[in-house]
Amino acid sequence: MTAPKFGDFMVDDAYVFEVGGESKTTDQLQGVPQSFLALDIKGRSNRRVPLWLFGLLY
């Protein structure tokens, strides 16, 4: 895991994740290949991954 120029963290030097709340948009990740939002949501949708899949439970 590393800290990329854009996004909050990068895994395997390939996948960029931006962490945020349910209303977070992909605006910060425009033009960043293989980027996803890690959000406080229950299910997965297009480029939106729930935080609980990372073990970030509350």
N, C-alpha and C. Protein backbone atom coordinates (compact mmCIF):
# COMPACT_ATOMS: atom_id res chain seq x y z
N MET A 1 0.85 -1.16 0.00
CA MET A 1 0.00 0.00 0.00
C MET A 1 0.90 1.23 0.00
N THR A 2 0.57 2.19 -0.85
CA THR A 2 1.33 3.43 -0.96
C THR A 2 0.38 4.62 -1.02
N ALA A 3 0.93 5.81 -0.93
CA ALA A 3 0.15 7.05 -1.04
C ALA A 3 0.34 7.62 -2.44
N PRO A 4 -0.69 7.60 -3.27
CA PRO A 4 -0.58 8.08 -4.65
C PRO A 4 -0.70 9.60 -4.73
N LYS A 5 -0.42 10.15 -5.89
CA LYS A 5 -0.57 11.59 -6.12
C LYS A 5 -2.04 11.99 -6.04
N PHE A 6 -2.92 11.14 -6.57
CA PHE A 6 -4.36 11.37 -6.50
C PHE A 6 -4.99 10.21 -5.75
N GLY A 7 -6.01 10.47 -4.93
CA GLY A 7 -6.66 9.44 -4.14
C GLY A 7 -6.01 9.34 -2.76
N ASP A 8 -6.58 8.47 -1.92
CA ASP A 8 -6.10 8.33 -0.55
C ASP A 8 -5.06 7.22 -0.39
N PHE A 9 -5.23 6.10 -1.08
CA PHE A 9 -4.21 5.05 -1.02
C PHE A 9 -4.25 4.20 -2.28
N MET A 10 -3.12 3.52 -2.53
CA MET A 10 -2.96 2.67 -3.71
C MET A 10 -2.54 1.28 -3.25
N VAL A 11 -3.12 0.26 -3.89
CA VAL A 11 -2.82 -1.13 -3.57
C VAL A 11 -2.16 -1.78 -4.78
N ASP A 12 -1.08 -2.52 -4.55
CA ASP A 12 -0.36 -3.24 -5.61
C ASP A 12 0.11 -2.34 -6.74
N ASP A 13 0.39 -1.09 -6.45
CA ASP A 13 0.82 -0.11 -7.46
C ASP A 13 -0.10 -0.07 -8.67
N ALA A 14 -1.39 -0.38 -8.46
CA ALA A 14 -2.31 -0.41 -9.59
C ALA A 14 -3.68 0.18 -9.28
N TYR A 15 -4.22 -0.09 -8.10
CA TYR A 15 -5.59 0.29 -7.77
C TYR A 15 -5.60 1.47 -6.80
N VAL A 16 -6.24 2.56 -7.21
CA VAL A 16 -6.30 3.78 -6.40
C VAL A 16 -7.67 3.86 -5.73
N PHE A 17 -7.69 4.18 -4.43
CA PHE A 17 -8.93 4.29 -3.67
C PHE A 17 -9.02 5.67 -3.02
N GLU A 18 -10.21 6.24 -3.09
CA GLU A 18 -10.53 7.51 -2.43
C GLU A 18 -11.59 7.17 -1.39
N VAL A 19 -11.32 7.47 -0.12
CA VAL A 19 -12.24 7.15 0.97
C VAL A 19 -13.15 8.34 1.23
N GLY A 20 -14.44 8.05 1.46
CA GLY A 20 -15.37 9.13 1.74
C GLY A 20 -16.72 8.63 2.19
N GLY A 21 -17.65 9.56 2.33
CA GLY A 21 -19.01 9.24 2.72
C GLY A 21 -19.86 8.85 1.53
N GLU A 22 -21.11 8.56 1.79
CA GLU A 22 -22.02 8.07 0.76
C GLU A 22 -22.20 9.05 -0.41
N SER A 23 -22.07 10.34 -0.15
CA SER A 23 -22.29 11.35 -1.19
C SER A 23 -21.02 11.72 -1.96
N LYS A 24 -19.90 11.09 -1.67
CA LYS A 24 -18.64 11.35 -2.37
C LYS A 24 -18.77 11.02 -3.84
N THR A 25 -18.18 11.85 -4.70
CA THR A 25 -18.25 11.61 -6.14
C THR A 25 -16.86 11.26 -6.69
N THR A 26 -16.83 10.85 -7.94
CA THR A 26 -15.57 10.48 -8.58
C THR A 26 -14.83 11.67 -9.18
N ASP A 27 -15.27 12.89 -8.90
CA ASP A 27 -14.64 14.08 -9.47
C ASP A 27 -13.14 14.14 -9.20
N GLN A 28 -12.71 13.73 -8.01
CA GLN A 28 -11.29 13.78 -7.66
C GLN A 28 -10.47 12.73 -8.40
N LEU A 29 -11.14 11.74 -8.98
CA LEU A 29 -10.43 10.64 -9.62
C LEU A 29 -10.56 10.66 -11.13
N GLN A 30 -11.02 11.75 -11.70
CA GLN A 30 -11.15 11.85 -13.15
C GLN A 30 -9.78 11.68 -13.80
N GLY A 31 -9.69 10.81 -14.78
CA GLY A 31 -8.44 10.58 -15.48
C GLY A 31 -7.47 9.64 -14.78
N VAL A 32 -7.85 9.10 -13.62
CA VAL A 32 -7.00 8.16 -12.89
C VAL A 32 -7.48 6.74 -13.22
N PRO A 33 -6.66 5.96 -13.94
CA PRO A 33 -7.09 4.61 -14.30
C PRO A 33 -7.18 3.70 -13.08
N GLN A 34 -8.07 2.73 -13.14
CA GLN A 34 -8.27 1.75 -12.07
C GLN A 34 -8.46 2.42 -10.71
N SER A 35 -9.35 3.40 -10.65
CA SER A 35 -9.62 4.10 -9.40
C SER A 35 -11.04 3.82 -8.93
N PHE A 36 -11.19 3.80 -7.61
CA PHE A 36 -12.46 3.44 -7.00
C PHE A 36 -12.71 4.31 -5.77
N LEU A 37 -13.99 4.44 -5.40
CA LEU A 37 -14.36 5.12 -4.17
C LEU A 37 -14.60 4.05 -3.11
N ALA A 38 -14.03 4.22 -1.93
CA ALA A 38 -14.29 3.36 -0.79
C ALA A 38 -15.21 4.15 0.13
N LEU A 39 -16.48 3.74 0.19
CA LEU A 39 -17.50 4.56 0.84
C LEU A 39 -18.22 3.84 1.97
N ASP A 40 -18.87 4.62 2.80
CA ASP A 40 -19.68 4.10 3.89
C ASP A 40 -21.06 3.73 3.34
N ILE A 41 -21.08 2.66 2.54
CA ILE A 41 -22.31 2.17 1.92
C ILE A 41 -22.43 0.68 2.19
N LYS A 42 -23.61 0.11 1.95
CA LYS A 42 -23.82 -1.32 2.23
C LYS A 42 -23.49 -2.21 1.05
N GLY A 43 -23.81 -1.77 -0.15
CA GLY A 43 -23.60 -2.61 -1.33
C GLY A 43 -22.64 -1.96 -2.31
N ARG A 44 -22.22 -2.72 -3.32
CA ARG A 44 -21.27 -2.25 -4.31
C ARG A 44 -22.02 -1.80 -5.55
N SER A 45 -21.49 -0.78 -6.20
CA SER A 45 -22.01 -0.34 -7.49
C SER A 45 -20.82 0.14 -8.32
N ASN A 46 -21.07 0.71 -9.46
CA ASN A 46 -20.02 1.13 -10.39
C ASN A 46 -18.94 1.98 -9.73
N ARG A 47 -17.74 1.44 -9.59
CA ARG A 47 -16.56 2.12 -9.02
C ARG A 47 -16.76 2.55 -7.56
N ARG A 48 -17.77 2.02 -6.87
CA ARG A 48 -18.05 2.34 -5.47
C ARG A 48 -17.97 1.05 -4.66
N VAL A 49 -17.03 0.99 -3.72
CA VAL A 49 -16.79 -0.21 -2.92
C VAL A 49 -17.09 0.12 -1.46
N PRO A 50 -17.85 -0.72 -0.75
CA PRO A 50 -18.13 -0.44 0.66
C PRO A 50 -16.88 -0.58 1.54
N LEU A 51 -16.78 0.30 2.52
CA LEU A 51 -15.62 0.28 3.43
C LEU A 51 -15.50 -1.04 4.19
N TRP A 52 -16.64 -1.68 4.48
CA TRP A 52 -16.57 -2.91 5.26
C TRP A 52 -15.79 -4.01 4.55
N LEU A 53 -15.67 -3.94 3.23
CA LEU A 53 -14.86 -4.94 2.51
C LEU A 53 -13.37 -4.81 2.83
N PHE A 54 -12.97 -3.66 3.31
CA PHE A 54 -11.57 -3.44 3.71
C PHE A 54 -11.36 -3.74 5.20
N GLY A 55 -12.43 -4.12 5.89
CA GLY A 55 -12.35 -4.37 7.33
C GLY A 55 -12.49 -3.09 8.14
N LEU A 56 -12.92 -2.00 7.51
CA LEU A 56 -13.09 -0.73 8.21
C LEU A 56 -14.52 -0.63 8.72
N LEU A 57 -14.76 -1.31 9.82
CA LEU A 57 -16.10 -1.36 10.40
C LEU A 57 -16.26 -0.31 11.48
N TYR A 58 -17.47 0.08 11.71
CA TYR A 58 -17.75 1.05 12.79
C TYR A 58 -18.63 0.42 13.81
